[in-house]
Amino acid sequence: MDLIFRFLAGGIAVSLFSAIGELFKPKSFAGLFGAAPSVAIATLALTIAKNGPAYASIEARSMTVGAVALCIYAEVVSRRLMHGTASARTVTLAAIVVWFAAAFGLWFVLVRPVA
């Protein structure tokens, strides 16, 4: 049943976000809007159904922290590639440390359960 719900919720969300993405230029935004948000919505809907809204809110905060960490990582990588001479492989692999530091640092400050 979960797979059917995931399929339907994800498909509907992908279609909606893709339609929204088609309104913007360049058309590559359609793929950006169609992927992550639809998966996140389907996952959160299933989490709410199984574990309740309180648990889902923690999951949503964790998703947000991961997205912020990814933005920090992407900023570091893009700046380093634009202004450096290192290869893309070297820069992206080295910057993984930045993502881990940002993700775990933000999680520790904002999300971790307080005992």
C-alpha atoms as a PDB file:
ATOM      1  CA  MET A   1       0.000   0.000   0.000  1.00  0.00           C
ATOM      2  CA  ASP A   2       2.878   2.347   0.801  1.00  0.00           C
ATOM      3  CA  LEU A   3       4.362   1.837  -2.639  1.00  0.00           C
ATOM      4  CA  ILE A   4       1.067   2.647  -4.339  1.00  0.00           C
ATOM      5  CA  PHE A   5       0.670   5.802  -2.252  1.00  0.00           C
ATOM      6  CA  ARG A   6       4.280   6.831  -2.931  1.00  0.00           C
ATOM      7  CA  PHE A   7       3.774   6.237  -6.634  1.00  0.00           C
ATOM      8  CA  LEU A   8       0.576   8.281  -6.793  1.00  0.00           C
ATOM      9  CA  ALA A   9       1.674  11.104  -4.489  1.00  0.00           C
ATOM     10  CA  GLY A  10       5.085  11.342  -6.125  1.00  0.00           C
ATOM     11  CA  GLY A  11       3.631  11.241  -9.634  1.00  0.00           C
ATOM     12  CA  ILE A  12       1.083  13.942  -8.912  1.00  0.00           C
ATOM     13  CA  ALA A  13       3.679  16.123  -7.197  1.00  0.00           C
ATOM     14  CA  VAL A  14       6.210  15.637 -10.017  1.00  0.00           C
ATOM     15  CA  SER A  15       3.565  16.625 -12.556  1.00  0.00           C
ATOM     16  CA  LEU A  16       2.581  19.739 -10.607  1.00  0.00           C
ATOM     17  CA  PHE A  17       6.145  20.868 -10.002  1.00  0.00           C
ATOM     18  CA  SER A  18       7.043  20.137 -13.609  1.00  0.00           C
ATOM     19  CA  ALA A  19       4.143  22.287 -14.791  1.00  0.00           C
ATOM     20  CA  ILE A  20       5.321  25.095 -12.504  1.00  0.00           C
ATOM     21  CA  GLY A  21       8.877  24.654 -13.786  1.00  0.00           C
ATOM     22  CA  GLU A  22       7.674  25.016 -17.374  1.00  0.00           C
ATOM     23  CA  LEU A  23       6.625  28.577 -16.572  1.00  0.00           C
ATOM     24  CA  PHE A  24      10.218  29.647 -15.924  1.00  0.00           C
ATOM     25  CA  LYS A  25      13.250  30.115 -18.141  1.00  0.00           C
ATOM     26  CA  PRO A  26      15.511  28.181 -18.654  1.00  0.00           C
ATOM     27  CA  LYS A  27      13.549  25.000 -19.080  1.00  0.00           C
ATOM     28  CA  SER A  28      16.037  23.127 -16.898  1.00  0.00           C
ATOM     29  CA  PHE A  29      14.080  24.457 -13.916  1.00  0.00           C
ATOM     30  CA  ALA A  30      11.352  21.945 -14.774  1.00  0.00           C
ATOM     31  CA  GLY A  31      13.649  19.085 -13.758  1.00  0.00           C
ATOM     32  CA  LEU A  32      14.796  20.910 -10.653  1.00  0.00           C
ATOM     33  CA  PHE A  33      11.249  21.551  -9.484  1.00  0.00           C
ATOM     34  CA  GLY A  34      10.110  18.058 -10.449  1.00  0.00           C
ATOM     35  CA  ALA A  35      12.593  15.954  -8.517  1.00  0.00           C
ATOM     36  CA  ALA A  36      13.377  16.771  -4.898  1.00  0.00           C
ATOM     37  CA  PRO A  37      10.186  18.570  -3.826  1.00  0.00           C
ATOM     38  CA  SER A  38       7.934  15.783  -5.045  1.00  0.00           C
ATOM     39  CA  VAL A  39       9.946  13.085  -3.319  1.00  0.00           C
ATOM     40  CA  ALA A  40      10.035  15.120  -0.109  1.00  0.00           C
ATOM     41  CA  ILE A  41       6.270  15.679  -0.168  1.00  0.00           C
ATOM     42  CA  ALA A  42       5.518  11.998  -0.740  1.00  0.00           C
ATOM     43  CA  THR A  43       7.942  10.966   1.984  1.00  0.00           C
ATOM     44  CA  LEU A  44       6.511  13.455   4.471  1.00  0.00           C
ATOM     45  CA  ALA A  45       2.954  12.387   3.687  1.00  0.00           C
ATOM     46  CA  LEU A  46       3.854   8.755   4.376  1.00  0.00           C
ATOM     47  CA  THR A  47       5.684   9.742   7.553  1.00  0.00           C
ATOM     48  CA  ILE A  48       2.661  11.679   8.803  1.00  0.00           C
ATOM     49  CA  ALA A  49       0.399   8.724   8.050  1.00  0.00           C
ATOM     50  CA  LYS A  50       2.660   6.221   9.829  1.00  0.00           C
ATOM     51  CA  ASN A  51       4.248   8.183  12.669  1.00  0.00           C
ATOM     52  CA  GLY A  52       2.198  11.352  13.104  1.00  0.00           C
ATOM     53  CA  PRO A  53       2.852  15.035  12.489  1.00  0.00           C
ATOM     54  CA  ALA A  54       5.289  15.529  15.404  1.00  0.00           C
ATOM     55  CA  TYR A  55       7.695  12.942  14.018  1.00  0.00           C
ATOM     56  CA  ALA A  56       7.226  14.287  10.474  1.00  0.00           C
ATOM     57  CA  SER A  57       8.160  17.790  11.631  1.00  0.00           C
ATOM     58  CA  ILE A  58      11.509  16.474  12.869  1.00  0.00           C
ATOM     59  CA  GLU A  59      12.012  14.733   9.534  1.00  0.00           C
ATOM     60  CA  ALA A  60      11.121  17.944   7.666  1.00  0.00           C
ATOM     61  CA  ARG A  61      13.633  19.920   9.716  1.00  0.00           C
ATOM     62  CA  SER A  62      16.258  17.304   8.914  1.00  0.00           C
ATOM     63  CA  MET A  63      15.461  17.595   5.200  1.00  0.00           C
ATOM     64  CA  THR A  64      15.788  21.361   5.431  1.00  0.00           C
ATOM     65  CA  VAL A  65      19.150  21.111   7.206  1.00  0.00           C
ATOM     66  CA  GLY A  66      20.378  18.731   4.496  1.00  0.00           C
ATOM     67  CA  ALA A  67      19.210  21.131   1.780  1.00  0.00           C
ATOM     68  CA  VAL A  68      20.973  24.080   3.417  1.00  0.00           C
ATOM     69  CA  ALA A  69      24.157  21.998   3.746  1.00  0.00           C
ATOM     70  CA  LEU A  70      23.869  21.074   0.064  1.00  0.00           C
ATOM     71  CA  CYS A  71      23.559  24.772  -0.868  1.00  0.00           C
ATOM     72  CA  ILE A  72      26.692  25.553   1.154  1.00  0.00           C
ATOM     73  CA  TYR A  73      28.512  22.670  -0.544  1.00  0.00           C
ATOM     74  CA  ALA A  74      27.392  23.823  -3.997  1.00  0.00           C
ATOM     75  CA  GLU A  75      28.532  27.382  -3.279  1.00  0.00           C
ATOM     76  CA  VAL A  76      31.975  26.199  -2.156  1.00  0.00           C
ATOM     77  CA  VAL A  77      32.357  23.901  -5.164  1.00  0.00           C
ATOM     78  CA  SER A  78      31.197  26.482  -7.706  1.00  0.00           C
ATOM     79  CA  ARG A  79      33.443  29.232  -6.325  1.00  0.00           C
ATOM     80  CA  ARG A  80      36.421  26.877  -6.183  1.00  0.00           C
ATOM     81  CA  LEU A  81      35.864  25.663  -9.745  1.00  0.00           C
ATOM     82  CA  MET A  82      35.401  29.176 -11.113  1.00  0.00           C
ATOM     83  CA  HIS A  83      38.488  30.598  -9.433  1.00  0.00           C
ATOM     84  CA  GLY A  84      40.797  27.623  -9.128  1.00  0.00           C
ATOM     85  CA  THR A  85      42.794  25.282 -11.266  1.00  0.00           C
ATOM     86  CA  ALA A  86      41.898  22.024  -9.536  1.00  0.00           C
ATOM     87  CA  SER A  87      39.862  19.393 -11.356  1.00  0.00           C
ATOM     88  CA  ALA A  88      36.144  18.990 -10.749  1.00  0.00           C
ATOM     89  CA  ARG A  89      36.723  15.557  -9.213  1.00  0.00           C
ATOM     90  CA  THR A  90      39.264  16.895  -6.724  1.00  0.00           C
ATOM     91  CA  VAL A  91      37.137  19.876  -5.733  1.00  0.00           C
ATOM     92  CA  THR A  92      33.904  17.925  -5.306  1.00  0.00           C
ATOM     93  CA  LEU A  93      35.534  15.148  -3.316  1.00  0.00           C
ATOM     94  CA  ALA A  94      37.377  17.591  -1.065  1.00  0.00           C
ATOM     95  CA  ALA A  95      34.243  19.675  -0.530  1.00  0.00           C
ATOM     96  CA  ILE A  96      32.345  16.652   0.822  1.00  0.00           C
ATOM     97  CA  VAL A  97      33.992  17.564   4.120  1.00  0.00           C
ATOM     98  CA  VAL A  98      32.207  20.930   3.908  1.00  0.00           C
ATOM     99  CA  TRP A  99      28.851  19.224   3.386  1.00  0.00           C
ATOM    100  CA  PHE A 100      29.365  16.884   6.340  1.00  0.00           C
ATOM    101  CA  ALA A 101      30.488  19.731   8.594  1.00  0.00           C
ATOM    102  CA  ALA A 102      27.534  21.910   7.579  1.00  0.00           C
ATOM    103  CA  ALA A 103      24.962  19.104   7.794  1.00  0.00           C
ATOM    104  CA  PHE A 104      26.070  17.713  11.122  1.00  0.00           C
ATOM    105  CA  GLY A 105      26.801  21.137  12.594  1.00  0.00           C
ATOM    106  CA  LEU A 106      23.363  22.462  11.658  1.00  0.00           C
ATOM    107  CA  TRP A 107      21.706  19.242  12.816  1.00  0.00           C
ATOM    108  CA  PHE A 108      23.491  19.410  16.148  1.00  0.00           C
ATOM    109  CA  VAL A 109      22.433  23.037  16.702  1.00  0.00           C
ATOM    110  CA  LEU A 110      18.894  22.941  15.244  1.00  0.00           C
ATOM    111  CA  VAL A 111      17.460  19.442  15.129  1.00  0.00           C
ATOM    112  CA  ARG A 112      19.036  17.027  17.599  1.00  0.00           C
ATOM    113  CA  PRO A 113      16.741  15.737  20.302  1.00  0.00           C
ATOM    114  CA  VAL A 114      17.338  17.314  23.674  1.00  0.00           C
ATOM    115  CA  ALA A 115      17.662  14.773  26.478  1.00  0.00           C
END
